[in-house]
Amino acid sequence: MTPTQWTYLIFGIVIVLALVFDLGLLSKKSTTVSIKKALVQTCFWVGLSLAFFGWMWYENGHNTAISYLSAYLMEWSLSIDNIFVFILIFSFFKIKESSYARVLLIGILMAIVFRAIFITIGAALISRYYWILYIFGAFLVYTGVKMFVVDQHEDFKPEENIAYRFMSKYMRITHEDPNDKFTLKKGGKVFFTNLSVVVVMLSVTDVIFALDSIPAVFAISQVPLVVYTSNIFAVLGLRSLFFLLQGAVDKFDYLQQGIAIVLVFIGLKMLAEIVHFHMPVYVSLIVIVLCLGGSILYSIYHKKKGVPTKLKH
């Protein structure tokens, strides 16, 4: 087997075992996840991701490993940004805290399937039409500039979400207390509960975020192994990260600006390749760490405005 095949095999085994461990030992149906438990799970997924970085360095070389770590940090930071929107969705539909874990799990697993499809299509298109990367670069610059000046969280309105409007129009939905059920039967007809609506909305919202993040990862590396693994590790750790940060989202007012600067940098880096200017892979990693770390530190010491700090029912 080639080093890449070995890495894919190890990755598959690690993900299966990690999910069994996470679901079997750390997660229970309809229970509230404490900060301590969320911290343990977050450390578990981050540690696993970093251990995989070490394996990639050993098996595939430092360039591939550094590209993976850069892409993972990019995805991880965007996952933190997702949490703001997830909180708004849970709050709007008044979901019980005991249902968060199960709803997040199903939504995230669905998101992984959609992301895998997008990545496969993107990799196939890039291998055939390399110039698409330059479109990605221009798109990232535009997205980064827009993200820097516009608060995307203020613009997000759950009731206007495309998934919610579609389900409301074409499917039977009930807003009664779901009692941890995804469907209810009334008058001989099956109705989808708010839990089902939220699962679909989480998946669709993640897909929308992926329209920014996946091009960013392709701009960092066009190696499918790097794109797949960094995306999946970041998304799988999103559930525990949600429980860890849901009470502290107001501490990251300027994270969006940090992410925006990174997107602009990565986009310009990709466009620079038109004139055959290539930047070492470690430069991207340094810029990502400095921008994200700097924006988080700046957010802690400089308050901008309030955002939802805790879901209330």
C-alpha atoms as a PDB file:
ATOM      1  CA  MET A   1       0.000   0.000   0.000  1.00  0.00           C
ATOM      2  CA  THR A   2       1.110   3.560  -0.712  1.00  0.00           C
ATOM      3  CA  PRO A   3       1.552   6.111   2.105  1.00  0.00           C
ATOM      4  CA  THR A   4      -1.669   7.846   1.011  1.00  0.00           C
ATOM      5  CA  GLN A   5      -3.624   4.577   1.092  1.00  0.00           C
ATOM      6  CA  TRP A   6      -2.229   3.794   4.543  1.00  0.00           C
ATOM      7  CA  THR A   7      -3.257   7.250   5.757  1.00  0.00           C
ATOM      8  CA  TYR A   8      -6.797   6.823   4.418  1.00  0.00           C
ATOM      9  CA  LEU A   9      -7.022   3.415   6.115  1.00  0.00           C
ATOM     10  CA  ILE A  10      -5.751   4.733   9.453  1.00  0.00           C
ATOM     11  CA  PHE A  11      -8.068   7.725   9.175  1.00  0.00           C
ATOM     12  CA  GLY A  12     -11.102   5.486   8.585  1.00  0.00           C
ATOM     13  CA  ILE A  13     -10.231   3.219  11.514  1.00  0.00           C
ATOM     14  CA  VAL A  14      -9.600   6.184  13.830  1.00  0.00           C
ATOM     15  CA  ILE A  15     -12.902   7.859  12.921  1.00  0.00           C
ATOM     16  CA  VAL A  16     -14.946   4.682  13.458  1.00  0.00           C
ATOM     17  CA  LEU A  17     -13.303   3.926  16.816  1.00  0.00           C
ATOM     18  CA  ALA A  18     -13.564   7.562  17.909  1.00  0.00           C
ATOM     19  CA  LEU A  19     -17.278   7.714  17.078  1.00  0.00           C
ATOM     20  CA  VAL A  20     -17.914   4.465  18.950  1.00  0.00           C
ATOM     21  CA  PHE A  21     -16.018   5.845  21.944  1.00  0.00           C
ATOM     22  CA  ASP A  22     -17.718   9.235  21.792  1.00  0.00           C
ATOM     23  CA  LEU A  23     -21.230   7.873  21.333  1.00  0.00           C
ATOM     24  CA  GLY A  24     -20.900   4.818  23.533  1.00  0.00           C
ATOM     25  CA  LEU A  25     -19.001   6.202  26.487  1.00  0.00           C
ATOM     26  CA  LEU A  26     -19.406   9.973  26.440  1.00  0.00           C
ATOM     27  CA  SER A  27     -22.908  10.495  25.071  1.00  0.00           C
ATOM     28  CA  LYS A  28     -26.300   9.442  26.369  1.00  0.00           C
ATOM     29  CA  LYS A  29     -29.738  10.066  24.975  1.00  0.00           C
ATOM     30  CA  SER A  30     -31.626  13.080  26.324  1.00  0.00           C
ATOM     31  CA  THR A  31     -29.035  14.230  28.821  1.00  0.00           C
ATOM     32  CA  THR A  32     -27.554  17.661  29.433  1.00  0.00           C
ATOM     33  CA  VAL A  33     -23.843  17.916  28.580  1.00  0.00           C
ATOM     34  CA  SER A  34     -21.864  19.652  31.309  1.00  0.00           C
ATOM     35  CA  ILE A  35     -18.955  22.024  30.692  1.00  0.00           C
ATOM     36  CA  LYS A  36     -16.580  19.418  32.155  1.00  0.00           C
ATOM     37  CA  LYS A  37     -17.852  16.712  29.851  1.00  0.00           C
ATOM     38  CA  ALA A  38     -17.724  19.060  26.866  1.00  0.00           C
ATOM     39  CA  LEU A  39     -14.137  19.962  27.725  1.00  0.00           C
ATOM     40  CA  VAL A  40     -13.176  16.275  27.855  1.00  0.00           C
ATOM     41  CA  GLN A  41     -14.818  15.621  24.483  1.00  0.00           C
ATOM     42  CA  THR A  42     -13.255  18.723  22.908  1.00  0.00           C
ATOM     43  CA  CYS A  43      -9.799  17.753  24.147  1.00  0.00           C
ATOM     44  CA  PHE A  44     -10.430  14.246  22.831  1.00  0.00           C
ATOM     45  CA  TRP A  45     -11.255  15.429  19.281  1.00  0.00           C
ATOM     46  CA  VAL A  46      -8.538  18.096  19.166  1.00  0.00           C
ATOM     47  CA  GLY A  47      -5.969  15.628  20.528  1.00  0.00           C
ATOM     48  CA  LEU A  48      -7.036  13.060  17.967  1.00  0.00           C
ATOM     49  CA  SER A  49      -6.717  15.632  15.172  1.00  0.00           C
ATOM     50  CA  LEU A  50      -3.221  16.607  16.317  1.00  0.00           C
ATOM     51  CA  ALA A  51      -2.190  12.955  16.635  1.00  0.00           C
ATOM     52  CA  PHE A  52      -3.332  12.442  13.043  1.00  0.00           C
ATOM     53  CA  PHE A  53      -1.182  15.448  12.089  1.00  0.00           C
ATOM     54  CA  GLY A  54       1.802  13.600  13.559  1.00  0.00           C
ATOM     55  CA  TRP A  55       0.927  10.477  11.582  1.00  0.00           C
ATOM     56  CA  MET A  56       0.637  12.472   8.356  1.00  0.00           C
ATOM     57  CA  TRP A  57       4.034  14.067   9.006  1.00  0.00           C
ATOM     58  CA  TYR A  58       5.582  10.624   9.467  1.00  0.00           C
ATOM     59  CA  GLU A  59       3.798   8.899   6.583  1.00  0.00           C
ATOM     60  CA  ASN A  60       3.227  11.658   4.002  1.00  0.00           C
ATOM     61  CA  GLY A  61       5.865  14.281   4.722  1.00  0.00           C
ATOM     62  CA  HIS A  62       5.922  17.669   6.401  1.00  0.00           C
ATOM     63  CA  ASN A  63       4.364  19.647   3.522  1.00  0.00           C
ATOM     64  CA  THR A  64       1.199  17.522   3.499  1.00  0.00           C
ATOM     65  CA  ALA A  65       1.040  17.526   7.303  1.00  0.00           C
ATOM     66  CA  ILE A  66       1.398  21.312   7.581  1.00  0.00           C
ATOM     67  CA  SER A  67      -1.239  21.790   4.871  1.00  0.00           C
ATOM     68  CA  TYR A  68      -3.552  19.497   6.854  1.00  0.00           C
ATOM     69  CA  LEU A  69      -2.998  21.434  10.090  1.00  0.00           C
ATOM     70  CA  SER A  70      -3.561  24.769   8.318  1.00  0.00           C
ATOM     71  CA  ALA A  71      -6.788  23.486   6.749  1.00  0.00           C
ATOM     72  CA  TYR A  72      -7.932  21.987  10.069  1.00  0.00           C
ATOM     73  CA  LEU A  73      -7.400  25.274  11.929  1.00  0.00           C
ATOM     74  CA  MET A  74      -9.257  27.123   9.176  1.00  0.00           C
ATOM     75  CA  GLU A  75     -12.200  24.720   9.422  1.00  0.00           C
ATOM     76  CA  TRP A  76     -12.085  24.690  13.220  1.00  0.00           C
ATOM     77  CA  SER A  77     -12.298  28.477  13.415  1.00  0.00           C
ATOM     78  CA  LEU A  78     -15.218  28.529  10.992  1.00  0.00           C
ATOM     79  CA  SER A  79     -16.855  25.862  13.173  1.00  0.00           C
ATOM     80  CA  ILE A  80     -16.649  28.253  16.118  1.00  0.00           C
ATOM     81  CA  ASP A  81     -18.344  30.848  13.948  1.00  0.00           C
ATOM     82  CA  ASN A  82     -21.096  28.293  13.177  1.00  0.00           C
ATOM     83  CA  ILE A  83     -21.922  28.042  16.871  1.00  0.00           C
ATOM     84  CA  PHE A  84     -23.336  31.575  16.893  1.00  0.00           C
ATOM     85  CA  VAL A  85     -25.889  30.562  14.265  1.00  0.00           C
ATOM     86  CA  PHE A  86     -26.648  27.209  15.921  1.00  0.00           C
ATOM     87  CA  ILE A  87     -27.519  29.042  19.137  1.00  0.00           C
ATOM     88  CA  LEU A  88     -29.955  31.288  17.275  1.00  0.00           C
ATOM     89  CA  ILE A  89     -31.630  28.239  15.703  1.00  0.00           C
ATOM     90  CA  PHE A  90     -32.003  26.377  19.018  1.00  0.00           C
ATOM     91  CA  SER A  91     -33.304  29.495  20.719  1.00  0.00           C
ATOM     92  CA  PHE A  92     -35.827  30.308  17.980  1.00  0.00           C
ATOM     93  CA  PHE A  93     -37.398  26.815  18.109  1.00  0.00           C
ATOM     94  CA  LYS A  94     -37.152  26.611  21.937  1.00  0.00           C
ATOM     95  CA  ILE A  95     -35.384  23.242  21.884  1.00  0.00           C
ATOM     96  CA  LYS A  96     -34.803  21.662  25.283  1.00  0.00           C
ATOM     97  CA  GLU A  97     -31.194  21.500  26.357  1.00  0.00           C
ATOM     98  CA  SER A  98     -31.489  17.752  26.924  1.00  0.00           C
ATOM     99  CA  SER A  99     -32.110  17.336  23.177  1.00  0.00           C
ATOM    100  CA  TYR A 100     -29.109  19.351  21.971  1.00  0.00           C
ATOM    101  CA  ALA A 101     -26.642  16.455  21.816  1.00  0.00           C
ATOM    102  CA  ARG A 102     -28.815  14.139  19.732  1.00  0.00           C
ATOM    103  CA  VAL A 103     -29.961  16.879  17.357  1.00  0.00           C
ATOM    104  CA  LEU A 104     -26.411  18.145  16.861  1.00  0.00           C
ATOM    105  CA  LEU A 105     -25.100  14.635  16.258  1.00  0.00           C
ATOM    106  CA  ILE A 106     -27.608  13.845  13.498  1.00  0.00           C
ATOM    107  CA  GLY A 107     -27.224  17.287  11.920  1.00  0.00           C
ATOM    108  CA  ILE A 108     -23.434  17.044  11.925  1.00  0.00           C
ATOM    109  CA  LEU A 109     -23.389  13.524  10.456  1.00  0.00           C
ATOM    110  CA  MET A 110     -25.691  14.725   7.667  1.00  0.00           C
ATOM    111  CA  ALA A 111     -23.397  17.714   7.114  1.00  0.00           C
ATOM    112  CA  ILE A 112     -20.397  15.392   6.757  1.00  0.00           C
ATOM    113  CA  VAL A 113     -22.173  13.471   3.979  1.00  0.00           C
ATOM    114  CA  PHE A 114     -22.960  16.709   2.120  1.00  0.00           C
ATOM    115  CA  ARG A 115     -19.410  17.990   2.577  1.00  0.00           C
ATOM    116  CA  ALA A 116     -17.961  14.723   1.253  1.00  0.00           C
ATOM    117  CA  ILE A 117     -20.105  15.104  -1.869  1.00  0.00           C
ATOM    118  CA  PHE A 118     -19.011  18.721  -2.359  1.00  0.00           C
ATOM    119  CA  ILE A 119     -15.350  17.879  -1.842  1.00  0.00           C
ATOM    120  CA  THR A 120     -15.512  14.997  -4.317  1.00  0.00           C
ATOM    121  CA  ILE A 121     -17.148  17.208  -6.940  1.00  0.00           C
ATOM    122  CA  GLY A 122     -14.706  20.044  -6.239  1.00  0.00           C
ATOM    123  CA  ALA A 123     -11.656  17.774  -6.494  1.00  0.00           C
ATOM    124  CA  ALA A 124     -12.908  16.340  -9.806  1.00  0.00           C
ATOM    125  CA  LEU A 125     -13.530  19.818 -11.247  1.00  0.00           C
ATOM    126  CA  ILE A 126     -10.138  21.148 -10.127  1.00  0.00           C
ATOM    127  CA  SER A 127      -8.290  18.156 -11.585  1.00  0.00           C
ATOM    128  CA  ARG A 128      -9.919  18.893 -14.939  1.00  0.00           C
ATOM    129  CA  TYR A 129     -10.207  22.696 -14.832  1.00  0.00           C
ATOM    130  CA  TYR A 130      -7.386  24.054 -12.684  1.00  0.00           C
ATOM    131  CA  TRP A 131      -8.430  27.648 -13.381  1.00  0.00           C
ATOM    132  CA  ILE A 132     -11.404  27.105 -11.066  1.00  0.00           C
ATOM    133  CA  LEU A 133      -8.985  27.684  -8.196  1.00  0.00           C
ATOM    134  CA  TYR A 134      -8.552  31.273  -9.341  1.00  0.00           C
ATOM    135  CA  ILE A 135     -12.317  31.719  -9.154  1.00  0.00           C
ATOM    136  CA  PHE A 136     -12.141  30.273  -5.639  1.00  0.00           C
ATOM    137  CA  GLY A 137      -9.413  32.796  -4.826  1.00  0.00           C
ATOM    138  CA  ALA A 138     -11.456  35.769  -6.058  1.00  0.00           C
ATOM    139  CA  PHE A 139     -14.519  34.449  -4.225  1.00  0.00           C
ATOM    140  CA  LEU A 140     -12.567  34.138  -0.960  1.00  0.00           C
ATOM    141  CA  VAL A 141     -11.272  37.705  -1.243  1.00  0.00           C
ATOM    142  CA  TYR A 142     -14.812  38.973  -1.831  1.00  0.00           C
ATOM    143  CA  THR A 143     -16.213  36.847   1.014  1.00  0.00           C
ATOM    144  CA  GLY A 144     -13.450  37.925   3.385  1.00  0.00           C
ATOM    145  CA  VAL A 145     -13.971  41.639   2.720  1.00  0.00           C
ATOM    146  CA  LYS A 146     -17.737  41.280   3.131  1.00  0.00           C
ATOM    147  CA  MET A 147     -17.320  39.243   6.323  1.00  0.00           C
ATOM    148  CA  PHE A 148     -14.988  41.883   7.762  1.00  0.00           C
ATOM    149  CA  VAL A 149     -17.509  44.713   7.455  1.00  0.00           C
ATOM    150  CA  VAL A 150     -20.879  42.940   7.776  1.00  0.00           C
ATOM    151  CA  ASP A 151     -22.045  41.080  10.898  1.00  0.00           C
ATOM    152  CA  GLN A 152     -23.376  37.858   9.401  1.00  0.00           C
ATOM    153  CA  HIS A 153     -24.989  36.780  12.669  1.00  0.00           C
ATOM    154  CA  GLU A 154     -27.253  39.831  12.760  1.00  0.00           C
ATOM    155  CA  ASP A 155     -28.388  39.066   9.205  1.00  0.00           C
ATOM    156  CA  PHE A 156     -29.317  35.478  10.041  1.00  0.00           C
ATOM    157  CA  LYS A 157     -33.033  34.976  10.688  1.00  0.00           C
ATOM    158  CA  PRO A 158     -34.123  31.356  11.320  1.00  0.00           C
ATOM    159  CA  GLU A 159     -37.667  32.014  10.092  1.00  0.00           C
ATOM    160  CA  GLU A 160     -36.270  33.066   6.700  1.00  0.00           C
ATOM    161  CA  ASN A 161     -33.979  30.061   6.326  1.00  0.00           C
ATOM    162  CA  ILE A 162     -34.498  28.252   3.013  1.00  0.00           C
ATOM    163  CA  ALA A 163     -34.805  24.846   4.708  1.00  0.00           C
ATOM    164  CA  TYR A 164     -37.445  26.093   7.148  1.00  0.00           C
ATOM    165  CA  ARG A 165     -39.478  27.755   4.414  1.00  0.00           C
ATOM    166  CA  PHE A 166     -39.315  24.631   2.238  1.00  0.00           C
ATOM    167  CA  MET A 167     -40.401  22.314   5.062  1.00  0.00           C
ATOM    168  CA  SER A 168     -43.164  24.706   6.141  1.00  0.00           C
ATOM    169  CA  LYS A 169     -44.532  24.866   2.605  1.00  0.00           C
ATOM    170  CA  TYR A 170     -44.266  21.264   1.444  1.00  0.00           C
ATOM    171  CA  MET A 171     -44.235  19.137   4.613  1.00  0.00           C
ATOM    172  CA  ARG A 172     -46.500  18.679   7.635  1.00  0.00           C
ATOM    173  CA  ILE A 173     -44.903  20.378  10.641  1.00  0.00           C
ATOM    174  CA  THR A 174     -46.111  20.680  14.211  1.00  0.00           C
ATOM    175  CA  HIS A 175     -44.719  23.062  16.804  1.00  0.00           C
ATOM    176  CA  GLU A 176     -46.070  21.075  19.749  1.00  0.00           C
ATOM    177  CA  ASP A 177     -43.681  19.844  22.426  1.00  0.00           C
ATOM    178  CA  PRO A 178     -41.836  17.040  20.578  1.00  0.00           C
ATOM    179  CA  ASN A 179     -40.978  15.157  23.796  1.00  0.00           C
ATOM    180  CA  ASP A 180     -37.635  14.146  22.203  1.00  0.00           C
ATOM    181  CA  LYS A 181     -39.397  12.750  19.116  1.00  0.00           C
ATOM    182  CA  PHE A 182     -38.700  13.702  15.519  1.00  0.00           C
ATOM    183  CA  THR A 183     -42.223  12.880  14.342  1.00  0.00           C
ATOM    184  CA  LEU A 184     -45.684  12.909  15.913  1.00  0.00           C
ATOM    185  CA  LYS A 185     -48.836  11.190  14.699  1.00  0.00           C
ATOM    186  CA  LYS A 186     -52.049  13.209  14.796  1.00  0.00           C
ATOM    187  CA  GLY A 187     -55.331  12.300  13.166  1.00  0.00           C
ATOM    188  CA  GLY A 188     -53.726   9.403  11.372  1.00  0.00           C
ATOM    189  CA  LYS A 189     -51.118  11.706   9.790  1.00  0.00           C
ATOM    190  CA  VAL A 190     -47.417  11.982  10.540  1.00  0.00           C
ATOM    191  CA  PHE A 191     -46.051  15.434  11.380  1.00  0.00           C
ATOM    192  CA  PHE A 192     -42.415  16.487  11.667  1.00  0.00           C
ATOM    193  CA  THR A 193     -41.546  18.154  14.970  1.00  0.00           C
ATOM    194  CA  ASN A 194     -39.252  21.089  15.643  1.00  0.00           C
ATOM    195  CA  LEU A 195     -36.430  18.609  16.282  1.00  0.00           C
ATOM    196  CA  SER A 196     -36.632  17.412  12.667  1.00  0.00           C
ATOM    197  CA  VAL A 197     -36.764  20.996  11.417  1.00  0.00           C
ATOM    198  CA  VAL A 198     -33.692  21.937  13.446  1.00  0.00           C
ATOM    199  CA  VAL A 199     -31.717  18.891  12.238  1.00  0.00           C
ATOM    200  CA  VAL A 200     -32.352  19.865   8.615  1.00  0.00           C
ATOM    201  CA  MET A 201     -31.591  23.528   9.312  1.00  0.00           C
ATOM    202  CA  LEU A 202     -28.274  22.663  10.995  1.00  0.00           C
ATOM    203  CA  SER A 203     -27.261  20.563   7.987  1.00  0.00           C
ATOM    204  CA  VAL A 204     -28.271  23.205   5.454  1.00  0.00           C
ATOM    205  CA  THR A 205     -26.600  25.971   7.481  1.00  0.00           C
ATOM    206  CA  ASP A 206     -23.371  23.972   7.580  1.00  0.00           C
ATOM    207  CA  VAL A 207     -23.564  23.438   3.821  1.00  0.00           C
ATOM    208  CA  ILE A 208     -23.892  27.222   3.365  1.00  0.00           C
ATOM    209  CA  PHE A 209     -20.841  27.755   5.570  1.00  0.00           C
ATOM    210  CA  ALA A 210     -19.036  25.076   3.566  1.00  0.00           C
ATOM    211  CA  LEU A 211     -19.365  27.265   0.470  1.00  0.00           C
ATOM    212  CA  ASP A 212     -16.746  29.470   2.141  1.00  0.00           C
ATOM    213  CA  SER A 213     -14.684  26.892   3.991  1.00  0.00           C
ATOM    214  CA  ILE A 214     -14.219  24.230   1.309  1.00  0.00           C
ATOM    215  CA  PRO A 215     -12.836  26.671  -1.300  1.00  0.00           C
ATOM    216  CA  ALA A 216     -10.540  27.992   1.446  1.00  0.00           C
ATOM    217  CA  VAL A 217      -9.211  24.501   2.111  1.00  0.00           C
ATOM    218  CA  PHE A 218      -8.743  23.845  -1.610  1.00  0.00           C
ATOM    219  CA  ALA A 219      -6.793  27.108  -1.756  1.00  0.00           C
ATOM    220  CA  ILE A 220      -4.522  25.771   0.989  1.00  0.00           C
ATOM    221  CA  SER A 221      -4.115  22.334  -0.585  1.00  0.00           C
ATOM    222  CA  GLN A 222      -5.550  20.489  -3.576  1.00  0.00           C
ATOM    223  CA  VAL A 223      -4.658  17.104  -2.106  1.00  0.00           C
ATOM    224  CA  PRO A 224      -8.000  15.294  -1.519  1.00  0.00           C
ATOM    225  CA  LEU A 225      -6.546  13.553   1.544  1.00  0.00           C
ATOM    226  CA  VAL A 226      -5.893  16.916   3.214  1.00  0.00           C
ATOM    227  CA  VAL A 227      -9.294  18.346   2.288  1.00  0.00           C
ATOM    228  CA  TYR A 228     -11.293  15.310   3.440  1.00  0.00           C
ATOM    229  CA  THR A 229      -9.499  14.697   6.723  1.00  0.00           C
ATOM    230  CA  SER A 230      -9.297  18.330   7.853  1.00  0.00           C
ATOM    231  CA  ASN A 231     -13.013  18.861   7.139  1.00  0.00           C
ATOM    232  CA  ILE A 232     -14.213  15.718   8.870  1.00  0.00           C
ATOM    233  CA  PHE A 233     -12.069  16.158  11.976  1.00  0.00           C
ATOM    234  CA  ALA A 234     -13.184  19.786  12.377  1.00  0.00           C
ATOM    235  CA  VAL A 235     -16.880  19.018  11.883  1.00  0.00           C
ATOM    236  CA  LEU A 236     -16.880  15.979  14.192  1.00  0.00           C
ATOM    237  CA  GLY A 237     -15.477  18.137  16.984  1.00  0.00           C
ATOM    238  CA  LEU A 238     -18.165  20.769  16.488  1.00  0.00           C
ATOM    239  CA  ARG A 239     -20.715  19.150  18.813  1.00  0.00           C
ATOM    240  CA  SER A 240     -18.480  19.133  21.893  1.00  0.00           C
ATOM    241  CA  LEU A 241     -17.216  22.594  20.974  1.00  0.00           C
ATOM    242  CA  PHE A 242     -20.798  23.850  20.944  1.00  0.00           C
ATOM    243  CA  PHE A 243     -21.402  22.720  24.528  1.00  0.00           C
ATOM    244  CA  LEU A 244     -18.061  24.118  25.628  1.00  0.00           C
ATOM    245  CA  LEU A 245     -18.618  27.573  24.127  1.00  0.00           C
ATOM    246  CA  GLN A 246     -22.397  28.082  24.181  1.00  0.00           C
ATOM    247  CA  GLY A 247     -22.140  30.147  27.350  1.00  0.00           C
ATOM    248  CA  ALA A 248     -19.166  32.164  26.147  1.00  0.00           C
ATOM    249  CA  VAL A 249     -19.959  33.102  22.566  1.00  0.00           C
ATOM    250  CA  ASP A 250     -20.073  36.759  23.585  1.00  0.00           C
ATOM    251  CA  LYS A 251     -16.336  36.553  24.235  1.00  0.00           C
ATOM    252  CA  PHE A 252     -15.494  36.269  20.518  1.00  0.00           C
ATOM    253  CA  ASP A 253     -16.876  39.481  19.026  1.00  0.00           C
ATOM    254  CA  TYR A 254     -13.906  39.920  16.681  1.00  0.00           C
ATOM    255  CA  LEU A 255     -13.335  36.307  15.622  1.00  0.00           C
ATOM    256  CA  GLN A 256     -15.302  36.998  12.436  1.00  0.00           C
ATOM    257  CA  GLN A 257     -12.806  39.711  11.497  1.00  0.00           C
ATOM    258  CA  GLY A 258      -9.889  37.350  12.150  1.00  0.00           C
ATOM    259  CA  ILE A 259     -11.446  34.716   9.899  1.00  0.00           C
ATOM    260  CA  ALA A 260     -12.137  37.384   7.263  1.00  0.00           C
ATOM    261  CA  ILE A 261      -8.460  38.401   7.154  1.00  0.00           C
ATOM    262  CA  VAL A 262      -7.444  34.762   6.756  1.00  0.00           C
ATOM    263  CA  LEU A 263      -9.908  34.267   3.883  1.00  0.00           C
ATOM    264  CA  VAL A 264      -8.578  37.363   2.100  1.00  0.00           C
ATOM    265  CA  PHE A 265      -4.981  36.192   2.598  1.00  0.00           C
ATOM    266  CA  ILE A 266      -5.696  32.684   1.287  1.00  0.00           C
ATOM    267  CA  GLY A 267      -7.619  34.102  -1.666  1.00  0.00           C
ATOM    268  CA  LEU A 268      -4.768  36.477  -2.584  1.00  0.00           C
ATOM    269  CA  LYS A 269      -2.279  33.648  -2.151  1.00  0.00           C
ATOM    270  CA  MET A 270      -4.230  31.590  -4.671  1.00  0.00           C
ATOM    271  CA  LEU A 271      -4.534  34.484  -7.141  1.00  0.00           C
ATOM    272  CA  ALA A 272      -0.783  35.154  -6.852  1.00  0.00           C
ATOM    273  CA  GLU A 273      -0.160  31.778  -8.470  1.00  0.00           C
ATOM    274  CA  ILE A 274      -1.398  33.263 -11.742  1.00  0.00           C
ATOM    275  CA  VAL A 275       1.955  35.077 -11.943  1.00  0.00           C
ATOM    276  CA  HIS A 276       3.754  31.927 -10.684  1.00  0.00           C
ATOM    277  CA  PHE A 277       4.329  33.297  -7.187  1.00  0.00           C
ATOM    278  CA  HIS A 278       4.291  30.382  -4.761  1.00  0.00           C
ATOM    279  CA  MET A 279       4.356  30.763  -0.990  1.00  0.00           C
ATOM    280  CA  PRO A 280       5.751  28.096   1.375  1.00  0.00           C
ATOM    281  CA  VAL A 281       3.020  26.085   3.137  1.00  0.00           C
ATOM    282  CA  TYR A 282       4.227  27.088   6.605  1.00  0.00           C
ATOM    283  CA  VAL A 283       3.511  30.765   5.862  1.00  0.00           C
ATOM    284  CA  SER A 284      -0.214  30.007   5.596  1.00  0.00           C
ATOM    285  CA  LEU A 285      -0.095  28.172   8.922  1.00  0.00           C
ATOM    286  CA  ILE A 286       1.637  31.111  10.628  1.00  0.00           C
ATOM    287  CA  VAL A 287      -0.857  33.638   9.227  1.00  0.00           C
ATOM    288  CA  ILE A 288      -3.836  31.491  10.267  1.00  0.00           C
ATOM    289  CA  VAL A 289      -2.538  31.027  13.826  1.00  0.00           C
ATOM    290  CA  LEU A 290      -1.665  34.724  14.257  1.00  0.00           C
ATOM    291  CA  CYS A 291      -4.969  36.029  12.842  1.00  0.00           C
ATOM    292  CA  LEU A 292      -7.228  33.623  14.705  1.00  0.00           C
ATOM    293  CA  GLY A 293      -5.277  33.768  17.957  1.00  0.00           C
ATOM    294  CA  GLY A 294      -5.002  37.543  17.722  1.00  0.00           C
ATOM    295  CA  SER A 295      -8.724  38.025  17.051  1.00  0.00           C
ATOM    296  CA  ILE A 296      -9.651  35.822  20.013  1.00  0.00           C
ATOM    297  CA  LEU A 297      -7.298  37.684  22.362  1.00  0.00           C
ATOM    298  CA  TYR A 298      -8.515  41.036  21.067  1.00  0.00           C
ATOM    299  CA  SER A 299     -12.120  39.920  21.607  1.00  0.00           C
ATOM    300  CA  ILE A 300     -11.424  39.033  25.230  1.00  0.00           C
ATOM    301  CA  TYR A 301     -10.096  42.497  26.047  1.00  0.00           C
ATOM    302  CA  HIS A 302     -12.299  44.619  23.766  1.00  0.00           C
ATOM    303  CA  LYS A 303     -16.061  44.280  23.896  1.00  0.00           C
ATOM    304  CA  LYS A 304     -18.000  45.248  20.772  1.00  0.00           C
ATOM    305  CA  LYS A 305     -21.615  44.327  21.356  1.00  0.00           C
ATOM    306  CA  GLY A 306     -23.734  41.689  22.996  1.00  0.00           C
ATOM    307  CA  VAL A 307     -24.748  38.429  21.360  1.00  0.00           C
ATOM    308  CA  PRO A 308     -26.792  35.541  22.770  1.00  0.00           C
ATOM    309  CA  THR A 309     -24.869  34.204  25.734  1.00  0.00           C
ATOM    310  CA  LYS A 310     -27.111  31.347  26.721  1.00  0.00           C
ATOM    311  CA  LEU A 311     -30.160  29.683  25.291  1.00  0.00           C
ATOM    312  CA  LYS A 312     -33.282  30.501  27.262  1.00  0.00           C
ATOM    313  CA  HIS A 313     -36.565  28.645  27.215  1.00  0.00           C
END
